[in-house]
């Protein structure tokens, strides 16, 4: 999650010139917590041949643009 939060902060600053903060919250009730858990595109690619068409930066930029236009 920290990688995504850092990406959002970086993309938002690049697009709007404003810094945004992040908050690390504890897991919600009933939500599992697995320390040092991380998804791996490389593992998915090796086993299933998956190759992402978009980068996380592109996804985040699109999400921020949508939010700024519709919120």
N, C-alpha and C. Protein backbone atom coordinates (compact mmCIF):
# COMPACT_ATOMS: atom_id res chain seq x y z
N UNK A 1 0.82 -1.20 0.00
CA UNK A 1 0.00 0.00 0.00
C UNK A 1 0.86 1.26 0.00
N UNK A 2 2.02 1.19 0.62
CA UNK A 2 2.87 2.39 0.65
C UNK A 2 3.31 2.80 -0.74
N UNK A 3 3.54 1.83 -1.62
CA UNK A 3 3.95 2.14 -2.99
C UNK A 3 2.82 2.90 -3.70
N UNK A 4 1.60 2.45 -3.51
CA UNK A 4 0.46 3.12 -4.14
C UNK A 4 0.28 4.52 -3.55
N UNK A 5 0.37 4.64 -2.22
CA UNK A 5 0.22 5.96 -1.59
C UNK A 5 1.31 6.92 -2.07
N UNK A 6 2.54 6.44 -2.17
CA UNK A 6 3.63 7.29 -2.67
C UNK A 6 3.40 7.69 -4.12
N UNK A 7 2.88 6.78 -4.92
CA UNK A 7 2.59 7.06 -6.32
C UNK A 7 1.50 8.12 -6.44
N UNK A 8 0.44 7.99 -5.63
CA UNK A 8 -0.63 8.99 -5.64
C UNK A 8 -0.06 10.36 -5.29
N UNK A 9 0.74 10.44 -4.24
CA UNK A 9 1.34 11.72 -3.83
C UNK A 9 2.19 12.32 -4.94
N UNK A 10 3.02 11.48 -5.57
CA UNK A 10 3.91 11.97 -6.63
C UNK A 10 3.14 12.43 -7.86
N UNK A 11 2.15 11.66 -8.29
CA UNK A 11 1.36 12.01 -9.48
C UNK A 11 0.53 13.26 -9.21
N UNK A 12 -0.09 13.36 -8.03
CA UNK A 12 -0.90 14.53 -7.71
C UNK A 12 -0.04 15.79 -7.70
N UNK A 13 1.15 15.69 -7.13
CA UNK A 13 2.04 16.85 -7.11
C UNK A 13 2.47 17.24 -8.53
N UNK A 14 2.77 16.25 -9.36
CA UNK A 14 3.18 16.54 -10.74
C UNK A 14 2.06 17.20 -11.53
N UNK A 15 0.81 16.78 -11.30
CA UNK A 15 -0.32 17.30 -12.07
C UNK A 15 -0.86 18.62 -11.53
N UNK A 16 -0.87 18.77 -10.20
CA UNK A 16 -1.54 19.92 -9.59
C UNK A 16 -0.64 20.80 -8.74
N UNK A 17 0.62 20.41 -8.56
CA UNK A 17 1.56 21.21 -7.79
C UNK A 17 1.24 21.29 -6.31
N UNK A 18 0.46 20.36 -5.81
CA UNK A 18 0.10 20.34 -4.39
C UNK A 18 0.54 19.03 -3.78
N UNK A 19 1.09 19.13 -2.57
CA UNK A 19 1.49 17.92 -1.86
C UNK A 19 0.30 17.36 -1.10
N UNK A 20 0.16 16.05 -1.11
CA UNK A 20 -0.88 15.38 -0.34
C UNK A 20 -0.21 14.42 0.63
N UNK A 21 -0.81 14.32 1.80
CA UNK A 21 -0.26 13.43 2.82
C UNK A 21 -0.89 12.05 2.73
N UNK A 22 -0.30 11.12 3.43
CA UNK A 22 -0.83 9.77 3.51
C UNK A 22 -1.01 9.40 4.98
N UNK A 23 -1.88 8.47 5.23
CA UNK A 23 -2.12 7.99 6.59
C UNK A 23 -2.07 6.47 6.59
N UNK A 24 -1.31 5.91 7.48
CA UNK A 24 -1.26 4.46 7.64
C UNK A 24 -2.19 4.08 8.78
N UNK A 25 -3.29 3.44 8.43
CA UNK A 25 -4.29 3.07 9.42
C UNK A 25 -4.20 1.58 9.74
N UNK A 26 -4.61 1.20 10.93
CA UNK A 26 -4.60 -0.23 11.26
C UNK A 26 -5.68 -0.96 10.46
N UNK A 27 -5.57 -2.27 10.33
CA UNK A 27 -6.59 -3.04 9.61
C UNK A 27 -7.97 -2.83 10.24
N UNK A 28 -9.01 -2.84 9.39
CA UNK A 28 -10.38 -2.73 9.89
C UNK A 28 -10.80 -4.04 10.54
N UNK A 29 -11.84 -3.98 11.33
CA UNK A 29 -12.34 -5.16 12.00
C UNK A 29 -12.68 -6.25 10.98
N UNK A 30 -12.14 -7.43 11.18
CA UNK A 30 -12.38 -8.54 10.27
C UNK A 30 -11.45 -8.59 9.07
N UNK A 31 -10.65 -7.56 8.87
CA UNK A 31 -9.73 -7.51 7.74
C UNK A 31 -8.43 -8.23 8.12
N UNK A 32 -7.98 -9.19 7.32
CA UNK A 32 -6.76 -9.90 7.69
C UNK A 32 -5.54 -9.00 7.57
N UNK A 33 -4.58 -9.23 8.40
CA UNK A 33 -3.31 -8.50 8.33
C UNK A 33 -2.19 -9.51 8.15
N UNK A 34 -1.45 -9.37 7.08
CA UNK A 34 -0.32 -10.24 6.81
C UNK A 34 0.90 -9.35 6.66
N UNK A 35 1.82 -9.37 7.63
CA UNK A 35 2.99 -8.50 7.54
C UNK A 35 3.84 -8.82 6.30
N UNK A 36 4.36 -7.78 5.69
CA UNK A 36 5.25 -7.90 4.53
C UNK A 36 4.60 -8.60 3.33
N UNK A 37 3.28 -8.52 3.21
CA UNK A 37 2.57 -9.11 2.08
C UNK A 37 2.70 -8.20 0.88
N UNK A 38 2.93 -8.79 -0.29
CA UNK A 38 3.09 -7.99 -1.50
C UNK A 38 2.66 -8.81 -2.72
N UNK A 39 1.84 -8.19 -3.58
CA UNK A 39 1.50 -8.83 -4.85
C UNK A 39 2.69 -8.76 -5.78
N UNK A 40 2.84 -9.74 -6.65
CA UNK A 40 3.97 -9.76 -7.57
C UNK A 40 3.49 -9.95 -9.00
N UNK A 41 3.63 -8.91 -9.80
CA UNK A 41 3.31 -9.01 -11.22
C UNK A 41 4.26 -10.00 -11.89
N UNK A 42 5.51 -10.04 -11.45
CA UNK A 42 6.48 -10.96 -12.04
C UNK A 42 6.03 -12.41 -11.85
N UNK A 43 5.53 -12.74 -10.67
CA UNK A 43 5.08 -14.11 -10.41
C UNK A 43 3.87 -14.44 -11.27
N UNK A 44 2.92 -13.51 -11.38
CA UNK A 44 1.74 -13.73 -12.20
C UNK A 44 2.15 -13.87 -13.67
N UNK A 45 3.08 -13.03 -14.09
CA UNK A 45 3.56 -13.09 -15.47
C UNK A 45 4.24 -14.40 -15.79
N UNK A 46 5.04 -14.89 -14.84
CA UNK A 46 5.76 -16.14 -15.06
C UNK A 46 4.84 -17.35 -15.12
N UNK A 47 3.81 -17.34 -14.27
CA UNK A 47 2.92 -18.51 -14.22
C UNK A 47 1.80 -18.44 -15.25
N UNK A 48 1.29 -17.25 -15.51
CA UNK A 48 0.13 -17.13 -16.39
C UNK A 48 0.40 -16.36 -17.69
N UNK A 49 1.59 -15.78 -17.80
CA UNK A 49 1.90 -15.00 -18.99
C UNK A 49 1.27 -13.61 -19.00
N UNK A 50 0.83 -13.14 -17.82
CA UNK A 50 0.19 -11.83 -17.72
C UNK A 50 1.20 -10.71 -17.90
N UNK A 51 0.83 -9.73 -18.72
CA UNK A 51 1.63 -8.52 -18.89
C UNK A 51 0.69 -7.33 -18.78
N UNK A 52 0.89 -6.46 -17.79
CA UNK A 52 -0.02 -5.31 -17.65
C UNK A 52 0.06 -4.38 -18.84
N UNK A 53 -1.09 -3.86 -19.26
CA UNK A 53 -1.12 -2.90 -20.37
C UNK A 53 -0.91 -1.47 -19.88
N UNK A 54 -1.25 -1.21 -18.63
CA UNK A 54 -1.10 0.12 -18.05
C UNK A 54 -0.12 0.07 -16.90
N UNK A 55 0.51 1.20 -16.62
CA UNK A 55 1.37 1.31 -15.45
C UNK A 55 0.55 1.81 -14.27
N UNK A 56 1.05 1.62 -13.08
CA UNK A 56 0.35 2.12 -11.90
C UNK A 56 0.24 3.64 -11.96
N UNK A 57 1.25 4.32 -12.50
CA UNK A 57 1.20 5.77 -12.62
C UNK A 57 0.06 6.21 -13.52
N UNK A 58 -0.13 5.52 -14.63
CA UNK A 58 -1.22 5.86 -15.55
C UNK A 58 -2.58 5.63 -14.89
N UNK A 59 -2.72 4.52 -14.18
CA UNK A 59 -3.98 4.24 -13.48
C UNK A 59 -4.28 5.30 -12.43
N UNK A 60 -3.28 5.65 -11.64
CA UNK A 60 -3.45 6.64 -10.58
C UNK A 60 -3.80 8.00 -11.19
N UNK A 61 -3.12 8.37 -12.27
CA UNK A 61 -3.41 9.65 -12.92
C UNK A 61 -4.85 9.70 -13.40
N UNK A 62 -5.34 8.61 -14.00
CA UNK A 62 -6.72 8.57 -14.47
C UNK A 62 -7.70 8.68 -13.30
N UNK A 63 -7.40 8.01 -12.20
CA UNK A 63 -8.26 8.06 -11.02
C UNK A 63 -8.29 9.47 -10.43
N UNK A 64 -7.15 10.13 -10.34
CA UNK A 64 -7.10 11.50 -9.82
C UNK A 64 -7.87 12.45 -10.73
N UNK A 65 -7.68 12.32 -12.05
CA UNK A 65 -8.41 13.18 -12.99
C UNK A 65 -9.92 13.01 -12.84
N UNK A 66 -10.36 11.76 -12.72
CA UNK A 66 -11.79 11.50 -12.54
C UNK A 66 -12.30 12.14 -11.24
N UNK A 67 -11.55 11.96 -10.18
CA UNK A 67 -11.96 12.54 -8.90
C UNK A 67 -12.01 14.06 -8.93
N UNK A 68 -11.04 14.68 -9.56
CA UNK A 68 -11.02 16.15 -9.62
C UNK A 68 -12.17 16.68 -10.47
N UNK A 69 -12.59 15.94 -11.48
CA UNK A 69 -13.67 16.38 -12.34
C UNK A 69 -15.06 16.08 -11.77
N UNK A 70 -15.16 15.08 -10.93
CA UNK A 70 -16.49 14.61 -10.49
C UNK A 70 -16.78 14.74 -9.01
N UNK A 71 -15.84 15.18 -8.22
CA UNK A 71 -16.09 15.31 -6.78
C UNK A 71 -16.23 16.75 -6.36
